[in-house]
Amino acid sequence: MANAQDEAVSRLDSAVSEVFEMMLERSCDPMEGEVDTVVGRIVARIQFTGAVDGECLLYASPATASITAEALLGTPSAPHDPMADDAIGELCNMIAGGWKSKLKSPEADCLISAPKVTRDGLEGYRPQFGTKFSRNYSFQGNIFGVVLAF
């Protein structure tokens, strides 16, 4: 099972790197160890249904969300601007889609939902799926986390 998880993490790292390089023109690197990125965060959730049932969550601080919005849109965004929420949702969408595109058939035969974004953080979050892993990333000192569960 560790091998399948390593493969999933490798696909996730690759998807995150590609999204940041292509869409935000920035580099983004995985971080080792635990980072407190859970409390008071903006969370985007995308669900997979089909050959793979699961979900992808992306969570970030309002400050990281506003920097992400600025990188995506080219204009400054305040931490409580709705565009910051939209940016986190779109980032989650692009990363989940990138991860899915790296799956081989028949696993790739799944649909992804539109992102749902909340500012409730991950308080009380319990994955409904057997395999779950999380990974933190940093771009220009801004940290965000991704959870994949399937």
C-alpha atoms as a PDB file:
ATOM      1  CA  MET A   1       0.000   0.000   0.000  1.00  0.00           C
ATOM      2  CA  ALA A   2       2.884   2.394   0.705  1.00  0.00           C
ATOM      3  CA  ASN A   3       3.939   2.094  -2.939  1.00  0.00           C
ATOM      4  CA  ALA A   4       0.488   3.164  -4.195  1.00  0.00           C
ATOM      5  CA  GLN A   5       0.539   6.104  -1.766  1.00  0.00           C
ATOM      6  CA  ASP A   6       4.064   7.085  -2.878  1.00  0.00           C
ATOM      7  CA  GLU A   7       2.843   7.027  -6.475  1.00  0.00           C
ATOM      8  CA  ALA A   8      -0.188   9.174  -5.593  1.00  0.00           C
ATOM      9  CA  VAL A   9       2.038  11.680  -3.736  1.00  0.00           C
ATOM     10  CA  SER A  10       4.442  11.794  -6.675  1.00  0.00           C
ATOM     11  CA  ARG A  11       1.529  12.502  -9.060  1.00  0.00           C
ATOM     12  CA  LEU A  12       0.289  15.228  -6.698  1.00  0.00           C
ATOM     13  CA  ASP A  13       3.734  16.868  -6.443  1.00  0.00           C
ATOM     14  CA  SER A  14       4.000  16.827 -10.222  1.00  0.00           C
ATOM     15  CA  ALA A  15       0.495  18.300 -10.698  1.00  0.00           C
ATOM     16  CA  VAL A  16       1.159  21.095  -8.171  1.00  0.00           C
ATOM     17  CA  SER A  17       4.504  21.945  -9.785  1.00  0.00           C
ATOM     18  CA  GLU A  18       2.985  22.034 -13.289  1.00  0.00           C
ATOM     19  CA  VAL A  19       0.037  24.220 -12.232  1.00  0.00           C
ATOM     20  CA  PHE A  20       2.302  26.750 -10.516  1.00  0.00           C
ATOM     21  CA  GLU A  21       4.794  26.893 -13.369  1.00  0.00           C
ATOM     22  CA  MET A  22       2.200  27.127 -16.158  1.00  0.00           C
ATOM     23  CA  MET A  23      -0.600  29.150 -14.566  1.00  0.00           C
ATOM     24  CA  LEU A  24       1.111  31.265 -11.907  1.00  0.00           C
ATOM     25  CA  GLU A  25       4.636  31.437 -13.377  1.00  0.00           C
ATOM     26  CA  ARG A  26       6.096  30.557  -9.996  1.00  0.00           C
ATOM     27  CA  SER A  27       7.861  27.563  -8.542  1.00  0.00           C
ATOM     28  CA  CYS A  28       6.217  25.615  -5.737  1.00  0.00           C
ATOM     29  CA  ASP A  29       7.911  22.954  -3.649  1.00  0.00           C
ATOM     30  CA  PRO A  30       6.666  20.249  -1.289  1.00  0.00           C
ATOM     31  CA  MET A  31       7.531  20.720   2.369  1.00  0.00           C
ATOM     32  CA  GLU A  32       8.664  18.017   4.739  1.00  0.00           C
ATOM     33  CA  GLY A  33       7.215  17.721   8.221  1.00  0.00           C
ATOM     34  CA  GLU A  34       4.075  19.080   9.808  1.00  0.00           C
ATOM     35  CA  VAL A  35       2.954  22.684   9.450  1.00  0.00           C
ATOM     36  CA  ASP A  36      -0.041  24.225  11.197  1.00  0.00           C
ATOM     37  CA  THR A  37      -2.100  25.245   8.186  1.00  0.00           C
ATOM     38  CA  VAL A  38      -5.479  24.039   9.413  1.00  0.00           C
ATOM     39  CA  VAL A  39      -7.133  26.566  11.745  1.00  0.00           C
ATOM     40  CA  GLY A  40      -9.035  29.520  10.257  1.00  0.00           C
ATOM     41  CA  ARG A  41      -8.316  28.642   6.685  1.00  0.00           C
ATOM     42  CA  ILE A  42     -10.087  28.878   3.366  1.00  0.00           C
ATOM     43  CA  VAL A  43     -10.811  25.344   2.148  1.00  0.00           C
ATOM     44  CA  ALA A  44     -11.736  24.232  -1.365  1.00  0.00           C
ATOM     45  CA  ARG A  45     -13.095  20.711  -1.899  1.00  0.00           C
ATOM     46  CA  ILE A  46     -13.452  18.781  -5.143  1.00  0.00           C
ATOM     47  CA  GLN A  47     -14.966  15.317  -5.313  1.00  0.00           C
ATOM     48  CA  PHE A  48     -14.021  12.482  -7.673  1.00  0.00           C
ATOM     49  CA  THR A  49     -16.722  10.021  -8.764  1.00  0.00           C
ATOM     50  CA  GLY A  50     -16.449   7.029 -11.077  1.00  0.00           C
ATOM     51  CA  ALA A  51     -13.554   4.586 -11.260  1.00  0.00           C
ATOM     52  CA  VAL A  52     -11.983   6.572  -8.397  1.00  0.00           C
ATOM     53  CA  ASP A  53     -14.228   7.864  -5.622  1.00  0.00           C
ATOM     54  CA  GLY A  54     -12.597  10.417  -3.410  1.00  0.00           C
ATOM     55  CA  GLU A  55     -11.873  14.054  -2.790  1.00  0.00           C
ATOM     56  CA  CYS A  56      -9.180  16.669  -3.041  1.00  0.00           C
ATOM     57  CA  LEU A  57      -9.047  19.468  -0.471  1.00  0.00           C
ATOM     58  CA  LEU A  58      -6.831  22.503  -0.715  1.00  0.00           C
ATOM     59  CA  TYR A  59      -6.504  24.812   2.275  1.00  0.00           C
ATOM     60  CA  ALA A  60      -4.696  28.099   2.748  1.00  0.00           C
ATOM     61  CA  SER A  61      -4.650  31.176   4.935  1.00  0.00           C
ATOM     62  CA  PRO A  62      -6.542  34.244   3.695  1.00  0.00           C
ATOM     63  CA  ALA A  63      -3.160  35.938   3.082  1.00  0.00           C
ATOM     64  CA  THR A  64      -1.923  33.041   0.908  1.00  0.00           C
ATOM     65  CA  ALA A  65      -5.286  33.023  -0.887  1.00  0.00           C
ATOM     66  CA  SER A  66      -4.992  36.716  -1.746  1.00  0.00           C
ATOM     67  CA  ILE A  67      -1.435  36.217  -3.071  1.00  0.00           C
ATOM     68  CA  THR A  68      -2.699  33.280  -5.139  1.00  0.00           C
ATOM     69  CA  ALA A  69      -5.517  35.444  -6.519  1.00  0.00           C
ATOM     70  CA  GLU A  70      -3.031  38.159  -7.424  1.00  0.00           C
ATOM     71  CA  ALA A  71      -0.780  35.609  -9.177  1.00  0.00           C
ATOM     72  CA  LEU A  72      -3.731  34.179 -11.147  1.00  0.00           C
ATOM     73  CA  LEU A  73      -5.402  37.486 -12.022  1.00  0.00           C
ATOM     74  CA  GLY A  74      -2.498  39.917 -12.149  1.00  0.00           C
ATOM     75  CA  THR A  75      -4.224  42.395  -9.819  1.00  0.00           C
ATOM     76  CA  PRO A  76      -3.919  42.817  -6.035  1.00  0.00           C
ATOM     77  CA  SER A  77      -6.548  41.120  -3.894  1.00  0.00           C
ATOM     78  CA  ALA A  78      -7.350  41.660  -0.205  1.00  0.00           C
ATOM     79  CA  PRO A  79      -7.464  38.599   2.100  1.00  0.00           C
ATOM     80  CA  HIS A  80     -11.265  38.927   2.551  1.00  0.00           C
ATOM     81  CA  ASP A  81     -11.995  39.634  -1.122  1.00  0.00           C
ATOM     82  CA  PRO A  82     -14.283  36.977  -2.676  1.00  0.00           C
ATOM     83  CA  MET A  83     -11.678  36.693  -5.445  1.00  0.00           C
ATOM     84  CA  ALA A  84      -9.335  35.082  -2.882  1.00  0.00           C
ATOM     85  CA  ASP A  85     -11.930  32.340  -2.307  1.00  0.00           C
ATOM     86  CA  ASP A  86     -12.380  31.914  -6.061  1.00  0.00           C
ATOM     87  CA  ALA A  87      -8.611  31.657  -6.525  1.00  0.00           C
ATOM     88  CA  ILE A  88      -8.336  28.848  -3.945  1.00  0.00           C
ATOM     89  CA  GLY A  89     -11.241  27.042  -5.628  1.00  0.00           C
ATOM     90  CA  GLU A  90      -9.628  27.387  -9.051  1.00  0.00           C
ATOM     91  CA  LEU A  91      -6.228  26.289  -7.731  1.00  0.00           C
ATOM     92  CA  CYS A  92      -7.859  23.192  -6.208  1.00  0.00           C
ATOM     93  CA  ASN A  93      -9.637  22.534  -9.510  1.00  0.00           C
ATOM     94  CA  MET A  94      -6.420  22.763 -11.542  1.00  0.00           C
ATOM     95  CA  ILE A  95      -4.442  20.580  -9.115  1.00  0.00           C
ATOM     96  CA  ALA A  96      -7.186  17.925  -8.869  1.00  0.00           C
ATOM     97  CA  GLY A  97      -7.516  17.906 -12.660  1.00  0.00           C
ATOM     98  CA  GLY A  98      -3.757  17.637 -13.059  1.00  0.00           C
ATOM     99  CA  TRP A  99      -3.613  14.732 -10.594  1.00  0.00           C
ATOM    100  CA  LYS A 100      -6.502  12.989 -12.377  1.00  0.00           C
ATOM    101  CA  SER A 101      -4.830  13.463 -15.781  1.00  0.00           C
ATOM    102  CA  LYS A 102      -1.838  11.463 -14.513  1.00  0.00           C
ATOM    103  CA  LEU A 103      -3.975   8.400 -13.712  1.00  0.00           C
ATOM    104  CA  LYS A 104      -3.978   5.482 -16.112  1.00  0.00           C
ATOM    105  CA  SER A 105      -7.162   3.956 -17.482  1.00  0.00           C
ATOM    106  CA  PRO A 106      -9.488   2.698 -16.010  1.00  0.00           C
ATOM    107  CA  GLU A 107      -8.747   4.841 -12.905  1.00  0.00           C
ATOM    108  CA  ALA A 108      -8.803   7.993 -15.049  1.00  0.00           C
ATOM    109  CA  ASP A 109     -12.458   7.325 -15.897  1.00  0.00           C
ATOM    110  CA  CYS A 110     -13.836   9.538 -13.177  1.00  0.00           C
ATOM    111  CA  LEU A 111     -15.514  12.912 -13.043  1.00  0.00           C
ATOM    112  CA  ILE A 112     -14.509  15.821 -10.850  1.00  0.00           C
ATOM    113  CA  SER A 113     -17.002  18.196  -9.284  1.00  0.00           C
ATOM    114  CA  ALA A 114     -16.864  21.955  -9.268  1.00  0.00           C
ATOM    115  CA  PRO A 115     -14.985  23.251  -6.220  1.00  0.00           C
ATOM    116  CA  LYS A 116     -16.898  24.147  -3.061  1.00  0.00           C
ATOM    117  CA  VAL A 117     -15.149  26.804  -0.994  1.00  0.00           C
ATOM    118  CA  THR A 118     -15.639  27.586   2.690  1.00  0.00           C
ATOM    119  CA  ARG A 119     -13.890  29.704   5.304  1.00  0.00           C
ATOM    120  CA  ASP A 120     -14.684  27.203   8.068  1.00  0.00           C
ATOM    121  CA  GLY A 121     -11.239  25.577   7.964  1.00  0.00           C
ATOM    122  CA  LEU A 122     -10.829  21.840   8.459  1.00  0.00           C
ATOM    123  CA  GLU A 123     -12.330  21.733  11.961  1.00  0.00           C
ATOM    124  CA  GLY A 124     -14.007  18.365  12.368  1.00  0.00           C
ATOM    125  CA  TYR A 125     -12.972  17.136   8.902  1.00  0.00           C
ATOM    126  CA  ARG A 126     -13.076  13.345   8.651  1.00  0.00           C
ATOM    127  CA  PRO A 127     -12.287  11.708   5.316  1.00  0.00           C
ATOM    128  CA  GLN A 128     -14.862   9.153   4.207  1.00  0.00           C
ATOM    129  CA  PHE A 129     -12.335   7.130   2.233  1.00  0.00           C
ATOM    130  CA  GLY A 130      -9.790   4.449   3.147  1.00  0.00           C
ATOM    131  CA  THR A 131      -6.629   6.056   1.778  1.00  0.00           C
ATOM    132  CA  LYS A 132      -5.774   9.596   2.822  1.00  0.00           C
ATOM    133  CA  PHE A 133      -2.637  11.638   2.671  1.00  0.00           C
ATOM    134  CA  SER A 134      -1.801  15.294   3.072  1.00  0.00           C
ATOM    135  CA  ARG A 135       1.051  17.365   1.809  1.00  0.00           C
ATOM    136  CA  ASN A 136       2.125  20.964   2.425  1.00  0.00           C
ATOM    137  CA  TYR A 137       3.629  23.166  -0.261  1.00  0.00           C
ATOM    138  CA  SER A 138       5.410  26.509  -0.303  1.00  0.00           C
ATOM    139  CA  PHE A 139       5.689  29.155  -2.997  1.00  0.00           C
ATOM    140  CA  GLN A 140       7.623  32.314  -2.209  1.00  0.00           C
ATOM    141  CA  GLY A 141       7.203  31.560   1.522  1.00  0.00           C
ATOM    142  CA  ASN A 142       3.415  31.122   1.243  1.00  0.00           C
ATOM    143  CA  ILE A 143       2.208  27.790   2.564  1.00  0.00           C
ATOM    144  CA  PHE A 144      -0.865  25.798   1.595  1.00  0.00           C
ATOM    145  CA  GLY A 145      -1.927  22.210   2.120  1.00  0.00           C
ATOM    146  CA  VAL A 146      -3.536  19.546  -0.032  1.00  0.00           C
ATOM    147  CA  VAL A 147      -5.396  16.451   1.199  1.00  0.00           C
ATOM    148  CA  LEU A 148      -6.203  13.590  -1.154  1.00  0.00           C
ATOM    149  CA  ALA A 149      -8.549  10.867   0.047  1.00  0.00           C
ATOM    150  CA  PHE A 150      -9.894   7.963  -2.011  1.00  0.00           C
END
